[in-house]
Structures are given as structure tokens and as C-alpha cells.
């Protein structure tokens, strides 16, 4: 398994995910999403794995960009905006090769073992 955890330092769900993998002695790489973001290839892989940009956006966040995206029909424009501003992503984003999850999803991670 090659687990990558993309998250924010102050995100409670990111800390829970790291603890979940640590308790099971599963090695992972932690990446600060706000500081480093994702590469284009990683972003595209996660998009395909989770089923589109609408699954990645943190719709509960209070930000003017989120309000604007609620009314956008063009998914490519949404992808570009989120790629340029990773703070809009729901965290944590967990990658295992071509598989990925968004948010705290231990029931899915169990199947990866």
C-alpha cells in the first residue's frame, strides 16, 4: 500500500485519518494540502477516483469562491479554480494508487488492506 494523506494541519478529520492509519501500523505520507497542493496528475487521478469535482469541493465552507461555484455549470472551470486554490477541497483526501477517498472514510480504507 502506498497511502498519501492530503490535508490541512488544523483539520480534525485529517488528524483522525492519520490516527486511523497509525493505529493499524500502516505507513503513509502526509502532505500539507494548503502549503504544497497536489500535482496535476494527482489531482486528475483523485477526480477520476471520487467521481468528479463536485465530490471534492467542501460545500460547507464559508468562502465567496464556493458561493460562486454553486452557480457554475462548467465543471472544467470548477476544476481549474479548485486546483489553483486547494483550500476549497474537502479534507482529508486519501490516495492509495488509483483509489481515493474524500473525507473520513474508514469503511473504505478497511477494504484496501
N, C-alpha and C. Protein backbone atom coordinates (compact mmCIF):
# COMPACT_ATOMS: atom_id res chain seq x y z
N UNK A 1 0.84 -1.18 0.00
CA UNK A 1 0.00 0.00 0.00
C UNK A 1 0.88 1.24 0.00
N UNK A 2 0.47 2.22 -0.78
CA UNK A 2 1.18 3.49 -0.86
C UNK A 2 0.18 4.60 -0.54
N UNK A 3 -0.02 4.86 0.74
CA UNK A 3 -1.04 5.80 1.20
C UNK A 3 -0.47 7.22 1.24
N UNK A 4 -1.22 8.15 0.66
CA UNK A 4 -0.92 9.57 0.77
C UNK A 4 -2.12 10.25 1.40
N UNK A 5 -1.86 11.08 2.42
CA UNK A 5 -2.92 11.83 3.08
C UNK A 5 -2.70 13.31 2.79
N UNK A 6 -3.58 13.89 1.99
CA UNK A 6 -3.55 15.32 1.70
C UNK A 6 -4.54 15.97 2.67
N UNK A 7 -4.04 16.87 3.49
CA UNK A 7 -4.93 17.50 4.45
C UNK A 7 -4.37 18.81 4.97
N UNK A 8 -5.14 19.43 5.83
CA UNK A 8 -4.73 20.68 6.46
C UNK A 8 -4.30 20.39 7.90
N UNK A 9 -3.34 21.15 8.38
CA UNK A 9 -2.83 20.93 9.74
C UNK A 9 -3.90 21.09 10.80
N UNK A 10 -4.84 21.99 10.60
CA UNK A 10 -5.86 22.26 11.61
C UNK A 10 -7.16 21.49 11.39
N UNK A 11 -7.17 20.58 10.44
CA UNK A 11 -8.38 19.82 10.11
C UNK A 11 -8.53 18.62 11.05
N UNK A 12 -9.65 18.56 11.75
CA UNK A 12 -9.91 17.48 12.69
C UNK A 12 -10.01 16.13 11.98
N UNK A 13 -10.67 16.07 10.82
CA UNK A 13 -10.81 14.80 10.10
C UNK A 13 -9.46 14.30 9.58
N UNK A 14 -8.57 15.21 9.20
CA UNK A 14 -7.24 14.81 8.76
C UNK A 14 -6.48 14.15 9.91
N UNK A 15 -6.56 14.73 11.09
CA UNK A 15 -5.90 14.15 12.27
C UNK A 15 -6.49 12.77 12.60
N UNK A 16 -7.82 12.64 12.47
CA UNK A 16 -8.47 11.34 12.72
C UNK A 16 -7.98 10.30 11.71
N UNK A 17 -7.86 10.69 10.44
CA UNK A 17 -7.39 9.76 9.41
C UNK A 17 -5.95 9.32 9.68
N UNK A 18 -5.10 10.26 10.03
CA UNK A 18 -3.71 9.91 10.35
C UNK A 18 -3.65 8.95 11.53
N UNK A 19 -4.46 9.21 12.54
CA UNK A 19 -4.51 8.34 13.71
C UNK A 19 -5.01 6.94 13.32
N UNK A 20 -6.01 6.86 12.43
CA UNK A 20 -6.57 5.58 11.99
C UNK A 20 -5.47 4.73 11.35
N UNK A 21 -4.69 5.32 10.45
CA UNK A 21 -3.62 4.56 9.79
C UNK A 21 -2.49 4.23 10.76
N UNK A 22 -2.18 5.15 11.65
CA UNK A 22 -1.11 4.93 12.63
C UNK A 22 -1.45 3.79 13.56
N UNK A 23 -2.71 3.72 14.03
CA UNK A 23 -3.13 2.65 14.93
C UNK A 23 -3.03 1.28 14.28
N UNK A 24 -3.16 1.22 12.98
CA UNK A 24 -3.08 -0.05 12.25
C UNK A 24 -1.69 -0.32 11.69
N UNK A 25 -0.75 0.54 12.07
CA UNK A 25 0.64 0.44 11.63
C UNK A 25 0.77 0.41 10.12
N UNK A 26 -0.03 1.23 9.46
CA UNK A 26 0.04 1.37 8.01
C UNK A 26 0.82 2.64 7.71
N UNK A 27 1.90 2.50 6.97
CA UNK A 27 2.72 3.65 6.65
C UNK A 27 1.98 4.56 5.68
N UNK A 28 2.16 5.85 5.86
CA UNK A 28 1.52 6.83 4.99
C UNK A 28 2.42 8.05 4.85
N UNK A 29 2.17 8.80 3.81
CA UNK A 29 2.86 10.05 3.57
C UNK A 29 1.86 11.17 3.79
N UNK A 30 2.18 12.09 4.69
CA UNK A 30 1.28 13.20 4.99
C UNK A 30 1.73 14.44 4.20
N UNK A 31 0.81 15.06 3.49
CA UNK A 31 1.12 16.22 2.66
C UNK A 31 0.19 17.36 3.05
N UNK A 32 0.78 18.50 3.38
CA UNK A 32 0.00 19.69 3.72
C UNK A 32 -0.60 20.25 2.44
N UNK A 33 -1.89 20.09 2.30
CA UNK A 33 -2.60 20.48 1.08
C UNK A 33 -2.54 21.98 0.84
N UNK A 34 -2.66 22.76 1.90
CA UNK A 34 -2.66 24.21 1.77
C UNK A 34 -1.29 24.72 1.32
N UNK A 35 -0.25 24.11 1.86
CA UNK A 35 1.11 24.56 1.57
C UNK A 35 1.63 24.06 0.23
N UNK A 36 1.43 22.77 -0.06
CA UNK A 36 2.02 22.16 -1.24
C UNK A 36 1.02 21.86 -2.36
N UNK A 37 -0.24 21.70 -2.03
CA UNK A 37 -1.23 21.36 -3.04
C UNK A 37 -1.02 19.97 -3.60
N UNK A 38 -1.60 19.74 -4.77
CA UNK A 38 -1.43 18.46 -5.48
C UNK A 38 -0.84 18.75 -6.85
N UNK A 39 -0.12 17.78 -7.39
CA UNK A 39 0.34 17.93 -8.76
C UNK A 39 -0.85 17.72 -9.70
N UNK A 40 -0.69 18.09 -10.94
CA UNK A 40 -1.77 17.92 -11.91
C UNK A 40 -2.19 16.48 -12.07
N UNK A 41 -1.21 15.57 -12.10
CA UNK A 41 -1.52 14.15 -12.24
C UNK A 41 -2.25 13.59 -11.04
N UNK A 42 -1.84 13.99 -9.85
CA UNK A 42 -2.52 13.55 -8.64
C UNK A 42 -3.95 14.06 -8.61
N UNK A 43 -4.12 15.32 -8.96
CA UNK A 43 -5.45 15.92 -8.96
C UNK A 43 -6.38 15.20 -9.94
N UNK A 44 -5.90 14.92 -11.15
CA UNK A 44 -6.71 14.21 -12.15
C UNK A 44 -7.05 12.79 -11.69
N UNK A 45 -6.08 12.12 -11.07
CA UNK A 45 -6.31 10.77 -10.58
C UNK A 45 -7.38 10.76 -9.48
N UNK A 46 -7.31 11.72 -8.57
CA UNK A 46 -8.30 11.80 -7.49
C UNK A 46 -9.68 12.13 -8.06
N UNK A 47 -9.72 13.05 -9.04
CA UNK A 47 -11.00 13.40 -9.68
C UNK A 47 -11.69 12.17 -10.26
N UNK A 48 -10.93 11.35 -10.98
CA UNK A 48 -11.50 10.14 -11.59
C UNK A 48 -11.95 9.15 -10.52
N UNK A 49 -11.16 9.02 -9.45
CA UNK A 49 -11.45 8.03 -8.42
C UNK A 49 -12.69 8.38 -7.60
N UNK A 50 -12.92 9.67 -7.33
CA UNK A 50 -14.04 10.04 -6.47
C UNK A 50 -15.30 10.38 -7.24
N UNK A 51 -15.20 10.52 -8.55
CA UNK A 51 -16.40 10.72 -9.34
C UNK A 51 -16.70 12.16 -9.72
N UNK A 52 -15.69 13.01 -9.77
CA UNK A 52 -15.91 14.37 -10.26
C UNK A 52 -15.61 15.45 -9.25
N UNK A 53 -15.58 16.66 -9.75
CA UNK A 53 -15.18 17.81 -8.95
C UNK A 53 -16.16 18.12 -7.83
N UNK A 54 -17.44 17.86 -8.04
CA UNK A 54 -18.44 18.19 -7.02
C UNK A 54 -18.23 17.36 -5.75
N UNK A 55 -17.60 16.19 -5.86
CA UNK A 55 -17.31 15.37 -4.68
C UNK A 55 -16.13 15.92 -3.89
N UNK A 56 -15.25 16.67 -4.56
CA UNK A 56 -14.04 17.19 -3.92
C UNK A 56 -14.23 18.52 -3.21
N UNK A 57 -15.20 19.29 -3.62
CA UNK A 57 -15.38 20.63 -3.08
C UNK A 57 -16.03 20.56 -1.70
N UNK A 58 -15.51 21.37 -0.79
CA UNK A 58 -16.08 21.47 0.56
C UNK A 58 -17.21 22.48 0.52
N UNK A 59 -18.42 22.01 0.24
CA UNK A 59 -19.58 22.89 0.06
C UNK A 59 -20.00 23.57 1.36
N UNK A 60 -19.56 23.07 2.51
CA UNK A 60 -19.93 23.67 3.79
C UNK A 60 -19.05 24.86 4.16
N UNK A 61 -17.95 25.03 3.45
CA UNK A 61 -17.02 26.11 3.76
C UNK A 61 -17.63 27.46 3.41
N UNK A 62 -17.40 28.43 4.26
CA UNK A 62 -17.89 29.79 4.03
C UNK A 62 -16.83 30.57 3.27
N UNK A 63 -16.92 30.58 1.96
CA UNK A 63 -15.97 31.30 1.12
C UNK A 63 -16.71 31.82 -0.12
N UNK A 64 -16.37 33.01 -0.58
CA UNK A 64 -17.05 33.56 -1.77
C UNK A 64 -16.85 32.69 -3.01
N UNK A 65 -15.70 32.01 -3.10
CA UNK A 65 -15.45 31.14 -4.26
C UNK A 65 -16.44 29.97 -4.29
N UNK A 66 -16.76 29.44 -3.11
CA UNK A 66 -17.72 28.33 -3.02
C UNK A 66 -19.10 28.81 -3.46
N UNK A 67 -19.49 29.99 -3.00
CA UNK A 67 -20.80 30.54 -3.39
C UNK A 67 -20.88 30.72 -4.90
N UNK A 68 -19.80 31.17 -5.51
CA UNK A 68 -19.76 31.35 -6.97
C UNK A 68 -19.87 30.01 -7.69
N UNK A 69 -19.18 28.99 -7.18
CA UNK A 69 -19.18 27.68 -7.85
C UNK A 69 -20.53 26.98 -7.76
N UNK A 70 -21.36 27.35 -6.80
CA UNK A 70 -22.70 26.74 -6.71
C UNK A 70 -23.51 27.01 -7.98
N UNK A 71 -23.22 28.11 -8.64
CA UNK A 71 -24.00 28.51 -9.81
C UNK A 71 -23.27 28.27 -11.13
N UNK A 72 -22.09 27.67 -11.07
CA UNK A 72 -21.32 27.39 -12.29
C UNK A 72 -21.74 26.04 -12.86
N UNK A 73 -21.94 26.00 -14.17
CA UNK A 73 -22.27 24.74 -14.83
C UNK A 73 -21.04 24.06 -15.41
N UNK A 74 -20.01 24.83 -15.70
CA UNK A 74 -18.81 24.32 -16.35
C UNK A 74 -17.91 23.62 -15.33
N UNK A 75 -17.84 22.29 -15.40
CA UNK A 75 -17.04 21.55 -14.42
C UNK A 75 -15.54 21.80 -14.62
N UNK A 76 -15.14 22.08 -15.86
CA UNK A 76 -13.71 22.35 -16.12
C UNK A 76 -13.28 23.64 -15.42
N UNK A 77 -14.14 24.64 -15.43
CA UNK A 77 -13.83 25.90 -14.74
C UNK A 77 -13.75 25.68 -13.23
N UNK A 78 -14.63 24.83 -12.70
CA UNK A 78 -14.59 24.49 -11.27
C UNK A 78 -13.27 23.79 -10.94
N UNK A 79 -12.88 22.83 -11.79
CA UNK A 79 -11.64 22.10 -11.56
C UNK A 79 -10.44 23.04 -11.52
N UNK A 80 -10.39 23.98 -12.47
CA UNK A 80 -9.28 24.93 -12.51
C UNK A 80 -9.24 25.79 -11.26
N UNK A 81 -10.40 26.25 -10.81
CA UNK A 81 -10.47 27.11 -9.63
C UNK A 81 -10.03 26.35 -8.37
N UNK A 82 -10.47 25.11 -8.24
CA UNK A 82 -10.11 24.30 -7.07
C UNK A 82 -8.64 23.91 -7.12
N UNK A 83 -8.13 23.59 -8.30
CA UNK A 83 -6.72 23.23 -8.42
C UNK A 83 -5.83 24.40 -8.02
N UNK A 84 -6.23 25.61 -8.41
CA UNK A 84 -5.45 26.81 -8.07
C UNK A 84 -5.60 27.22 -6.61
N UNK A 85 -6.69 26.81 -5.96
CA UNK A 85 -6.94 27.18 -4.57
C UNK A 85 -7.31 25.92 -3.77
N UNK A 86 -6.31 25.14 -3.31
CA UNK A 86 -6.60 23.88 -2.62
C UNK A 86 -7.36 24.02 -1.30
N UNK A 87 -7.49 25.25 -0.78
CA UNK A 87 -8.25 25.45 0.46
C UNK A 87 -9.73 25.12 0.26
N UNK A 88 -10.17 25.06 -0.99
CA UNK A 88 -11.58 24.78 -1.29
C UNK A 88 -11.90 23.29 -1.26
N UNK A 89 -10.87 22.44 -1.17
CA UNK A 89 -11.07 21.00 -1.15
C UNK A 89 -11.56 20.52 0.21
N UNK A 90 -12.39 19.50 0.18
CA UNK A 90 -12.80 18.83 1.41
C UNK A 90 -11.62 17.95 1.83
N UNK A 91 -11.29 17.98 3.10
CA UNK A 91 -10.14 17.20 3.55
C UNK A 91 -10.58 16.15 4.57
N UNK A 92 -9.83 15.09 4.73
CA UNK A 92 -8.61 14.75 4.01
C UNK A 92 -8.91 14.06 2.68
N UNK A 93 -7.97 14.18 1.77
CA UNK A 93 -8.01 13.41 0.52
C UNK A 93 -6.98 12.30 0.70
N UNK A 94 -7.44 11.06 0.66
CA UNK A 94 -6.56 9.90 0.87
C UNK A 94 -6.41 9.16 -0.45
N UNK A 95 -5.16 8.97 -0.87
CA UNK A 95 -4.88 8.24 -2.10
C UNK A 95 -4.17 6.93 -1.78
N UNK A 96 -4.56 5.90 -2.53
CA UNK A 96 -3.88 4.61 -2.49
C UNK A 96 -3.78 4.15 -3.94
N UNK A 97 -2.72 4.56 -4.61
CA UNK A 97 -2.59 4.26 -6.04
C UNK A 97 -3.66 4.98 -6.83
N UNK A 98 -4.49 4.23 -7.54
CA UNK A 98 -5.56 4.83 -8.34
C UNK A 98 -6.85 5.00 -7.55
N UNK A 99 -6.88 4.49 -6.32
CA UNK A 99 -8.06 4.65 -5.46
C UNK A 99 -7.91 5.92 -4.64
N UNK A 100 -9.05 6.54 -4.29
CA UNK A 100 -9.01 7.74 -3.46
C UNK A 100 -10.33 7.91 -2.74
N UNK A 101 -10.25 8.59 -1.60
CA UNK A 101 -11.45 8.96 -0.85
C UNK A 101 -11.32 10.42 -0.44
N UNK A 102 -12.46 11.02 -0.16
CA UNK A 102 -12.50 12.40 0.32
C UNK A 102 -13.26 12.38 1.64
N UNK A 103 -12.66 12.96 2.68
CA UNK A 103 -13.28 12.95 3.99
C UNK A 103 -12.83 11.73 4.79
N UNK A 104 -13.42 11.55 5.94
CA UNK A 104 -13.08 10.45 6.83
C UNK A 104 -13.90 9.23 6.46
N UNK A 105 -13.27 8.21 5.86
CA UNK A 105 -13.98 7.03 5.33
C UNK A 105 -13.31 5.72 5.74
N UNK A 106 -13.27 5.38 7.02
CA UNK A 106 -12.57 4.15 7.44
C UNK A 106 -13.16 2.88 6.86
N UNK A 107 -14.47 2.88 6.56
CA UNK A 107 -15.08 1.67 6.00
C UNK A 107 -14.52 1.36 4.61
N UNK A 108 -14.11 2.35 3.88
CA UNK A 108 -13.49 2.13 2.56
C UNK A 108 -12.02 1.75 2.73
N UNK A 109 -11.33 2.39 3.67
CA UNK A 109 -9.92 2.09 3.88
C UNK A 109 -9.70 0.66 4.33
N UNK A 110 -10.69 0.10 5.06
CA UNK A 110 -10.60 -1.30 5.50
C UNK A 110 -10.46 -2.23 4.30
N UNK A 111 -11.11 -1.92 3.19
CA UNK A 111 -11.08 -2.78 2.02
C UNK A 111 -9.75 -2.71 1.29
N UNK A 112 -8.95 -1.69 1.57
CA UNK A 112 -7.65 -1.52 0.90
C UNK A 112 -6.58 -2.46 1.44
N UNK A 113 -6.82 -3.04 2.62
CA UNK A 113 -5.77 -3.84 3.25
C UNK A 113 -5.63 -5.20 2.62
